[in-house]
C-alpha cells in the first residue's frame, strides 16, 4: 500500500488493498446497511421503541423469532458499530446471531434497567467476547479439523477480508485473523485504517498526533507479525 500524499511510497508496505478494504467494510459494517434497509416507519423502530413488545411473551425461541423478523431492535447496527469501533475482524452476522441468542436467554430477567440501549450494547459486547474466545480456541486447529474450505463455516468472509490483500491461503486465514484480533487496540486500529481501509497516512498521523513515519513503521511491524503467523505450521490432529 502507498500513501495518497506525495511522500515517498516506501513509507508503507506494498500490498494490494482495495479488495481487502471493501471486504472488511462489507463484513463488519454491511450489517449496518442491511439494518437500515430493513427499517420501517413503525414508531417502535425508533429510539422510543417498546422493548417489551419483542422481549416479553413466550420462551427464548419465540423471542429469537421476533428479533429475526426485520431486525426491530436495530441490532445489526449496534453489532456493526461495535466491531468497527474496536477494529475487530469478526463476522458481523455470526456476532449478530450470538447476540440474539443472548438476548433471548436474558429477556426474562431484564426489567428496564440499565437503559435498554446500554443493555443492548452489553449483550453485543458479551457476544463479541464469546466469538473471540471461540476463535482463540480453534485458531490453531489443522484445516482438516474444522471444515473442507479451511475456515470456520460461519466466518469465511471475514477471513478473506484479511487473507486476500495479504496473499494468505484460506487454510491459515483463521489463525491470522485470530492473531490480528489479539493485538492491542492501537495496533489493530492502525493496521485496519491504513492497510485494510486504505486511509491516508498523513491525515491519520495528524489526527493521532504522531509522525507519519512512526505510523508506517507500526503498520509494517504488524504486517510482518501476521505474515510470520501465516507461515507457522498448524499442529497435526491427534489420532
C-alpha atoms as a PDB file:
ATOM      1  CA  UNK A   1       0.000   0.000   0.000  1.00  0.00           C
ATOM      2  CA  UNK A   2       1.145   3.510  -0.595  1.00  0.00           C
ATOM      3  CA  UNK A   3       0.240   6.813   0.990  1.00  0.00           C
ATOM      4  CA  UNK A   4      -2.022   9.017  -1.042  1.00  0.00           C
ATOM      5  CA  UNK A   5       0.160  12.014  -0.284  1.00  0.00           C
ATOM      6  CA  UNK A   6       3.269  12.983  -2.214  1.00  0.00           C
ATOM      7  CA  UNK A   7       5.613  11.395   0.305  1.00  0.00           C
ATOM      8  CA  UNK A   8       7.900   8.592  -0.890  1.00  0.00           C
ATOM      9  CA  UNK A   9       5.990   5.343  -1.474  1.00  0.00           C
ATOM     10  CA  UNK A  10       8.313   3.368   0.779  1.00  0.00           C
ATOM     11  CA  UNK A  11       6.622   4.556   3.940  1.00  0.00           C
ATOM     12  CA  UNK A  12       4.098   1.727   3.993  1.00  0.00           C
ATOM     13  CA  UNK A  13       4.329  -1.943   2.992  1.00  0.00           C
ATOM     14  CA  UNK A  14       3.331  -2.560  -0.588  1.00  0.00           C
ATOM     15  CA  UNK A  15       0.104  -4.580  -0.656  1.00  0.00           C
ATOM     16  CA  UNK A  16      -2.878  -4.759  -2.944  1.00  0.00           C
ATOM     17  CA  UNK A  17      -5.501  -3.438  -0.557  1.00  0.00           C
ATOM     18  CA  UNK A  18      -8.691  -2.386  -2.360  1.00  0.00           C
ATOM     19  CA  UNK A  19     -10.380  -5.792  -2.217  1.00  0.00           C
ATOM     20  CA  UNK A  20      -9.420  -6.242   1.405  1.00  0.00           C
ATOM     21  CA  UNK A  21     -10.666  -2.798   2.316  1.00  0.00           C
ATOM     22  CA  UNK A  22     -14.027  -3.353   0.649  1.00  0.00           C
ATOM     23  CA  UNK A  23     -14.401  -6.844   2.082  1.00  0.00           C
ATOM     24  CA  UNK A  24     -13.550  -5.642   5.565  1.00  0.00           C
ATOM     25  CA  UNK A  25     -16.221  -2.971   5.412  1.00  0.00           C
ATOM     26  CA  UNK A  26     -18.745  -5.426   3.956  1.00  0.00           C
ATOM     27  CA  UNK A  27     -18.135  -7.983   6.687  1.00  0.00           C
ATOM     28  CA  UNK A  28     -18.217  -5.650   9.688  1.00  0.00           C
ATOM     29  CA  UNK A  29     -20.390  -2.755   8.523  1.00  0.00           C
ATOM     30  CA  UNK A  30     -22.567  -4.493   5.971  1.00  0.00           C
ATOM     31  CA  UNK A  31     -24.853  -5.395   8.837  1.00  0.00           C
ATOM     32  CA  UNK A  32     -25.445  -1.705   9.427  1.00  0.00           C
ATOM     33  CA  UNK A  33     -26.574  -1.142   5.865  1.00  0.00           C
ATOM     34  CA  UNK A  34     -28.868  -4.163   5.944  1.00  0.00           C
ATOM     35  CA  UNK A  35     -30.346  -2.946   9.191  1.00  0.00           C
ATOM     36  CA  UNK A  36     -31.045   0.467   7.696  1.00  0.00           C
ATOM     37  CA  UNK A  37     -32.657  -1.070   4.654  1.00  0.00           C
ATOM     38  CA  UNK A  38     -34.973  -3.088   6.845  1.00  0.00           C
ATOM     39  CA  UNK A  39     -36.194  -0.167   8.929  1.00  0.00           C
ATOM     40  CA  UNK A  40     -39.768   0.973   8.520  1.00  0.00           C
ATOM     41  CA  UNK A  41     -41.933   3.851   9.678  1.00  0.00           C
ATOM     42  CA  UNK A  42     -43.103   1.815  12.645  1.00  0.00           C
ATOM     43  CA  UNK A  43     -42.755   4.088  15.690  1.00  0.00           C
ATOM     44  CA  UNK A  44     -41.417   1.130  17.657  1.00  0.00           C
ATOM     45  CA  UNK A  45     -38.331   1.046  15.430  1.00  0.00           C
ATOM     46  CA  UNK A  46     -37.024   4.353  16.768  1.00  0.00           C
ATOM     47  CA  UNK A  47     -35.250   5.265  19.975  1.00  0.00           C
ATOM     48  CA  UNK A  48     -38.529   5.116  21.898  1.00  0.00           C
ATOM     49  CA  UNK A  49     -39.354   1.531  20.911  1.00  0.00           C
ATOM     50  CA  UNK A  50     -41.227  -0.627  23.398  1.00  0.00           C
ATOM     51  CA  UNK A  51     -38.723  -3.402  24.045  1.00  0.00           C
ATOM     52  CA  UNK A  52     -41.391  -5.390  25.891  1.00  0.00           C
ATOM     53  CA  UNK A  53     -43.119  -5.986  22.578  1.00  0.00           C
ATOM     54  CA  UNK A  54     -40.137  -8.049  21.421  1.00  0.00           C
ATOM     55  CA  UNK A  55     -38.635  -9.449  24.616  1.00  0.00           C
ATOM     56  CA  UNK A  56     -41.725 -10.431  26.598  1.00  0.00           C
ATOM     57  CA  UNK A  57     -44.044 -13.339  25.946  1.00  0.00           C
ATOM     58  CA  UNK A  58     -43.077 -16.887  25.103  1.00  0.00           C
ATOM     59  CA  UNK A  59     -39.768 -18.637  25.552  1.00  0.00           C
ATOM     60  CA  UNK A  60     -36.348 -17.898  24.032  1.00  0.00           C
ATOM     61  CA  UNK A  61     -37.270 -19.443  20.687  1.00  0.00           C
ATOM     62  CA  UNK A  62     -40.183 -17.057  20.244  1.00  0.00           C
ATOM     63  CA  UNK A  63     -38.038 -14.089  21.246  1.00  0.00           C
ATOM     64  CA  UNK A  64     -35.430 -15.043  18.641  1.00  0.00           C
ATOM     65  CA  UNK A  65     -38.159 -15.390  16.024  1.00  0.00           C
ATOM     66  CA  UNK A  66     -39.415 -11.887  16.750  1.00  0.00           C
ATOM     67  CA  UNK A  67     -35.905 -10.424  16.714  1.00  0.00           C
ATOM     68  CA  UNK A  68     -35.118 -12.078  13.388  1.00  0.00           C
ATOM     69  CA  UNK A  69     -38.120 -10.557  11.612  1.00  0.00           C
ATOM     70  CA  UNK A  70     -36.859  -7.266  10.191  1.00  0.00           C
ATOM     71  CA  UNK A  71     -34.335  -6.528  12.956  1.00  0.00           C
ATOM     72  CA  UNK A  72     -36.812  -4.477  15.027  1.00  0.00           C
ATOM     73  CA  UNK A  73     -34.226  -3.540  17.671  1.00  0.00           C
ATOM     74  CA  UNK A  74     -31.657  -2.286  15.154  1.00  0.00           C
ATOM     75  CA  UNK A  75     -29.303  -4.944  16.445  1.00  0.00           C
ATOM     76  CA  UNK A  76     -27.285  -5.190  13.246  1.00  0.00           C
ATOM     77  CA  UNK A  77     -26.341  -1.538  13.546  1.00  0.00           C
ATOM     78  CA  UNK A  78     -25.175  -1.991  17.138  1.00  0.00           C
ATOM     79  CA  UNK A  79     -23.069  -5.014  16.137  1.00  0.00           C
ATOM     80  CA  UNK A  80     -21.529  -3.234  13.139  1.00  0.00           C
ATOM     81  CA  UNK A  81     -20.646  -0.153  15.173  1.00  0.00           C
ATOM     82  CA  UNK A  82     -19.135  -2.255  17.964  1.00  0.00           C
ATOM     83  CA  UNK A  83     -16.868  -4.210  15.623  1.00  0.00           C
ATOM     84  CA  UNK A  84     -15.802  -1.096  13.727  1.00  0.00           C
ATOM     85  CA  UNK A  85     -15.052   0.861  16.891  1.00  0.00           C
ATOM     86  CA  UNK A  86     -12.955  -1.973  18.279  1.00  0.00           C
ATOM     87  CA  UNK A  87     -11.294  -2.665  14.894  1.00  0.00           C
ATOM     88  CA  UNK A  88     -12.054  -6.371  15.147  1.00  0.00           C
ATOM     89  CA  UNK A  89     -12.144  -8.784  12.215  1.00  0.00           C
ATOM     90  CA  UNK A  90     -15.146 -10.859  13.214  1.00  0.00           C
ATOM     91  CA  UNK A  91     -18.133 -11.896  11.152  1.00  0.00           C
ATOM     92  CA  UNK A  92     -20.932  -9.444  11.968  1.00  0.00           C
ATOM     93  CA  UNK A  93     -23.586 -11.992  11.035  1.00  0.00           C
ATOM     94  CA  UNK A  94     -22.204 -14.539  13.480  1.00  0.00           C
ATOM     95  CA  UNK A  95     -21.944 -11.971  16.283  1.00  0.00           C
ATOM     96  CA  UNK A  96     -25.499 -10.900  15.459  1.00  0.00           C
ATOM     97  CA  UNK A  97     -26.777 -14.467  15.834  1.00  0.00           C
ATOM     98  CA  UNK A  98     -24.885 -14.909  19.094  1.00  0.00           C
ATOM     99  CA  UNK A  99     -26.334 -11.650  20.392  1.00  0.00           C
ATOM    100  CA  UNK A 100     -29.898 -12.653  19.536  1.00  0.00           C
ATOM    101  CA  UNK A 101     -29.377 -15.880  21.463  1.00  0.00           C
ATOM    102  CA  UNK A 102     -28.032 -13.993  24.477  1.00  0.00           C
ATOM    103  CA  UNK A 103     -30.923 -11.527  24.379  1.00  0.00           C
ATOM    104  CA  UNK A 104     -33.471 -14.333  24.147  1.00  0.00           C
ATOM    105  CA  UNK A 105     -31.958 -16.096  27.164  1.00  0.00           C
ATOM    106  CA  UNK A 106     -31.689 -12.889  29.213  1.00  0.00           C
ATOM    107  CA  UNK A 107     -35.030 -11.375  28.204  1.00  0.00           C
ATOM    108  CA  UNK A 108     -36.970 -12.653  31.205  1.00  0.00           C
ATOM    109  CA  UNK A 109     -34.552 -11.132  33.702  1.00  0.00           C
ATOM    110  CA  UNK A 110     -34.410  -7.682  32.064  1.00  0.00           C
ATOM    111  CA  UNK A 111     -36.783  -5.222  33.759  1.00  0.00           C
ATOM    112  CA  UNK A 112     -35.773  -1.925  32.161  1.00  0.00           C
ATOM    113  CA  UNK A 113     -32.516  -1.197  33.966  1.00  0.00           C
ATOM    114  CA  UNK A 114     -29.962  -0.294  32.818  1.00  0.00           C
ATOM    115  CA  UNK A 115     -31.377   1.770  29.959  1.00  0.00           C
ATOM    116  CA  UNK A 116     -32.304  -0.507  27.062  1.00  0.00           C
ATOM    117  CA  UNK A 117     -29.693   0.924  24.675  1.00  0.00           C
ATOM    118  CA  UNK A 118     -26.953   0.249  27.232  1.00  0.00           C
ATOM    119  CA  UNK A 119     -28.288  -3.211  27.958  1.00  0.00           C
ATOM    120  CA  UNK A 120     -28.348  -3.994  24.238  1.00  0.00           C
ATOM    121  CA  UNK A 121     -24.736  -2.839  23.860  1.00  0.00           C
ATOM    122  CA  UNK A 122     -23.714  -5.025  26.792  1.00  0.00           C
ATOM    123  CA  UNK A 123     -25.285  -8.068  25.126  1.00  0.00           C
ATOM    124  CA  UNK A 124     -23.389  -7.330  21.908  1.00  0.00           C
ATOM    125  CA  UNK A 125     -20.126  -6.869  23.822  1.00  0.00           C
ATOM    126  CA  UNK A 126     -20.624 -10.203  25.584  1.00  0.00           C
ATOM    127  CA  UNK A 127     -21.379 -11.935  22.279  1.00  0.00           C
ATOM    128  CA  UNK A 128     -18.199 -10.475  20.779  1.00  0.00           C
ATOM    129  CA  UNK A 129     -16.173 -11.900  23.658  1.00  0.00           C
ATOM    130  CA  UNK A 130     -17.768 -15.312  23.140  1.00  0.00           C
ATOM    131  CA  UNK A 131     -16.819 -15.317  19.462  1.00  0.00           C
ATOM    132  CA  UNK A 132     -13.291 -14.143  20.292  1.00  0.00           C
ATOM    133  CA  UNK A 133     -12.931 -16.966  22.823  1.00  0.00           C
ATOM    134  CA  UNK A 134     -14.089 -19.469  20.227  1.00  0.00           C
ATOM    135  CA  UNK A 135     -11.674 -18.018  17.708  1.00  0.00           C
ATOM    136  CA  UNK A 136      -8.751 -18.380  20.097  1.00  0.00           C
ATOM    137  CA  UNK A 137      -9.768 -21.946  20.926  1.00  0.00           C
ATOM    138  CA  UNK A 138      -9.896 -23.122  17.331  1.00  0.00           C
ATOM    139  CA  UNK A 139      -7.294 -20.852  15.733  1.00  0.00           C
ATOM    140  CA  UNK A 140      -4.502 -23.440  15.785  1.00  0.00           C
ATOM    141  CA  UNK A 141      -6.577 -26.345  14.584  1.00  0.00           C
ATOM    142  CA  UNK A 142      -5.413 -28.137  11.467  1.00  0.00           C
ATOM    143  CA  UNK A 143      -7.619 -27.297   8.461  1.00  0.00           C
ATOM    144  CA  UNK A 144      -8.951 -30.864   8.248  1.00  0.00           C
ATOM    145  CA  UNK A 145     -10.415 -30.491  11.729  1.00  0.00           C
ATOM    146  CA  UNK A 146     -12.763 -27.593  11.048  1.00  0.00           C
ATOM    147  CA  UNK A 147     -14.100 -27.779   7.529  1.00  0.00           C
ATOM    148  CA  UNK A 148     -13.359 -28.506   3.877  1.00  0.00           C
ATOM    149  CA  UNK A 149     -12.675 -24.876   2.973  1.00  0.00           C
ATOM    150  CA  UNK A 150     -10.077 -24.415   5.699  1.00  0.00           C
ATOM    151  CA  UNK A 151     -12.046 -21.874   7.670  1.00  0.00           C
ATOM    152  CA  UNK A 152     -14.939 -21.732  10.079  1.00  0.00           C
ATOM    153  CA  UNK A 153     -18.276 -22.257   8.357  1.00  0.00           C
ATOM    154  CA  UNK A 154     -19.587 -19.042   9.912  1.00  0.00           C
ATOM    155  CA  UNK A 155     -16.548 -16.837   9.290  1.00  0.00           C
ATOM    156  CA  UNK A 156     -15.226 -17.373   5.743  1.00  0.00           C
ATOM    157  CA  UNK A 157     -15.886 -13.835   4.503  1.00  0.00           C
ATOM    158  CA  UNK A 158     -14.029 -12.089   7.292  1.00  0.00           C
ATOM    159  CA  UNK A 159     -11.066 -14.415   6.809  1.00  0.00           C
ATOM    160  CA  UNK A 160     -10.907 -13.464   3.150  1.00  0.00           C
ATOM    161  CA  UNK A 161     -11.065  -9.785   4.116  1.00  0.00           C
ATOM    162  CA  UNK A 162      -7.628 -10.128   5.667  1.00  0.00           C
ATOM    163  CA  UNK A 163      -6.276 -13.045   3.660  1.00  0.00           C
ATOM    164  CA  UNK A 164      -6.911 -11.759   0.138  1.00  0.00           C
ATOM    165  CA  UNK A 165      -4.936  -8.486   0.264  1.00  0.00           C
ATOM    166  CA  UNK A 166      -2.044 -10.170   2.079  1.00  0.00           C
ATOM    167  CA  UNK A 167      -1.944 -13.224  -0.158  1.00  0.00           C
ATOM    168  CA  UNK A 168      -2.714 -15.604   2.714  1.00  0.00           C
ATOM    169  CA  UNK A 169      -4.155 -19.019   1.925  1.00  0.00           C
ATOM    170  CA  UNK A 170      -7.640 -19.802   3.262  1.00  0.00           C
ATOM    171  CA  UNK A 171      -6.177 -22.706   5.240  1.00  0.00           C
ATOM    172  CA  UNK A 172      -4.310 -20.324   7.538  1.00  0.00           C
ATOM    173  CA  UNK A 173      -6.550 -17.255   7.437  1.00  0.00           C
ATOM    174  CA  UNK A 174      -8.389 -18.305  10.590  1.00  0.00           C
ATOM    175  CA  UNK A 175      -5.327 -18.127  12.813  1.00  0.00           C
ATOM    176  CA  UNK A 176      -4.100 -14.926  11.135  1.00  0.00           C
ATOM    177  CA  UNK A 177      -7.423 -13.257  11.942  1.00  0.00           C
ATOM    178  CA  UNK A 178      -7.142 -14.576  15.491  1.00  0.00           C
ATOM    179  CA  UNK A 179      -3.632 -13.131  15.748  1.00  0.00           C
ATOM    180  CA  UNK A 180      -4.883  -9.784  14.447  1.00  0.00           C
ATOM    181  CA  UNK A 181      -7.760  -9.673  16.933  1.00  0.00           C
ATOM    182  CA  UNK A 182      -5.333 -10.483  19.765  1.00  0.00           C
ATOM    183  CA  UNK A 183      -3.268  -7.369  19.046  1.00  0.00           C
ATOM    184  CA  UNK A 184      -3.690  -4.262  21.232  1.00  0.00           C
ATOM    185  CA  UNK A 185      -6.409  -1.893  20.026  1.00  0.00           C
ATOM    186  CA  UNK A 186      -3.932   0.772  18.894  1.00  0.00           C
ATOM    187  CA  UNK A 187      -2.205  -1.674  16.573  1.00  0.00           C
ATOM    188  CA  UNK A 188      -5.469  -3.111  15.244  1.00  0.00           C
ATOM    189  CA  UNK A 189      -6.763   0.377  14.552  1.00  0.00           C
ATOM    190  CA  UNK A 190      -3.591   1.413  12.730  1.00  0.00           C
ATOM    191  CA  UNK A 191      -3.488  -1.672  10.521  1.00  0.00           C
ATOM    192  CA  UNK A 192      -7.214  -1.643   9.842  1.00  0.00           C
ATOM    193  CA  UNK A 193      -7.176   2.028   8.861  1.00  0.00           C
ATOM    194  CA  UNK A 194      -4.028   2.072   6.737  1.00  0.00           C
ATOM    195  CA  UNK A 195      -3.878  -1.389   5.210  1.00  0.00           C
ATOM    196  CA  UNK A 196      -7.455  -2.648   5.039  1.00  0.00           C
ATOM    197  CA  UNK A 197      -9.315   0.627   4.566  1.00  0.00           C
ATOM    198  CA  UNK A 198      -6.589   2.488   2.729  1.00  0.00           C
ATOM    199  CA  UNK A 199      -6.816   5.720   4.718  1.00  0.00           C
ATOM    200  CA  UNK A 200      -4.301   8.468   4.074  1.00  0.00           C
ATOM    201  CA  UNK A 201      -1.140   8.097   6.133  1.00  0.00           C
ATOM    202  CA  UNK A 202      -0.509  11.799   6.681  1.00  0.00           C
ATOM    203  CA  UNK A 203      -4.102  12.530   7.649  1.00  0.00           C
ATOM    204  CA  UNK A 204      -4.080   9.732  10.194  1.00  0.00           C
ATOM    205  CA  UNK A 205      -0.802  10.984  11.619  1.00  0.00           C
ATOM    206  CA  UNK A 206      -2.313  14.437  12.134  1.00  0.00           C
ATOM    207  CA  UNK A 207      -5.446  13.044  13.780  1.00  0.00           C
ATOM    208  CA  UNK A 208      -3.476  10.775  16.113  1.00  0.00           C
ATOM    209  CA  UNK A 209      -0.781  13.335  16.833  1.00  0.00           C
ATOM    210  CA  UNK A 210       2.121  11.097  15.820  1.00  0.00           C
ATOM    211  CA  UNK A 211       4.590  11.176  12.978  1.00  0.00           C
ATOM    212  CA  UNK A 212       3.711   9.533   9.678  1.00  0.00           C
ATOM    213  CA  UNK A 213       6.946   7.546   9.769  1.00  0.00           C
ATOM    214  CA  UNK A 214       6.043   6.129  13.179  1.00  0.00           C
ATOM    215  CA  UNK A 215       2.635   5.022  11.901  1.00  0.00           C
ATOM    216  CA  UNK A 216       4.237   3.461   8.831  1.00  0.00           C
ATOM    217  CA  UNK A 217       6.712   1.513  10.968  1.00  0.00           C
ATOM    218  CA  UNK A 218       3.882   0.278  13.175  1.00  0.00           C
ATOM    219  CA  UNK A 219       1.904  -0.927  10.160  1.00  0.00           C
ATOM    220  CA  UNK A 220       4.988  -2.653   8.780  1.00  0.00           C
ATOM    221  CA  UNK A 221       5.683  -4.336  12.114  1.00  0.00           C
ATOM    222  CA  UNK A 222       2.113  -5.640  12.346  1.00  0.00           C
ATOM    223  CA  UNK A 223       2.230  -6.899   8.775  1.00  0.00           C
ATOM    224  CA  UNK A 224       5.463  -8.766   9.459  1.00  0.00           C
ATOM    225  CA  UNK A 225       3.932 -10.316  12.573  1.00  0.00           C
ATOM    226  CA  UNK A 226       0.843 -11.526  10.689  1.00  0.00           C
ATOM    227  CA  UNK A 227       2.922 -12.984   7.894  1.00  0.00           C
ATOM    228  CA  UNK A 228       5.021 -14.903  10.425  1.00  0.00           C
ATOM    229  CA  UNK A 229       1.818 -16.284  11.942  1.00  0.00           C
ATOM    230  CA  UNK A 230       0.643 -17.290   8.468  1.00  0.00           C
ATOM    231  CA  UNK A 231       3.848 -19.236   7.856  1.00  0.00           C
ATOM    232  CA  UNK A 232       3.603 -21.287  11.064  1.00  0.00           C
ATOM    233  CA  UNK A 233       2.609 -24.909  10.588  1.00  0.00           C
ATOM    234  CA  UNK A 234      -0.619 -25.876  12.368  1.00  0.00           C
ATOM    235  CA  UNK A 235      -0.476 -28.815  14.774  1.00  0.00           C
ATOM    236  CA  UNK A 236      -1.402 -32.186  13.372  1.00  0.00           C
ATOM    237  CA  UNK A 237      -4.728 -33.646  14.558  1.00  0.00           C
ATOM    238  CA  UNK A 238      -4.423 -36.174  17.361  1.00  0.00           C
ATOM    239  CA  UNK A 239      -5.252 -39.765  16.400  1.00  0.00           C
END
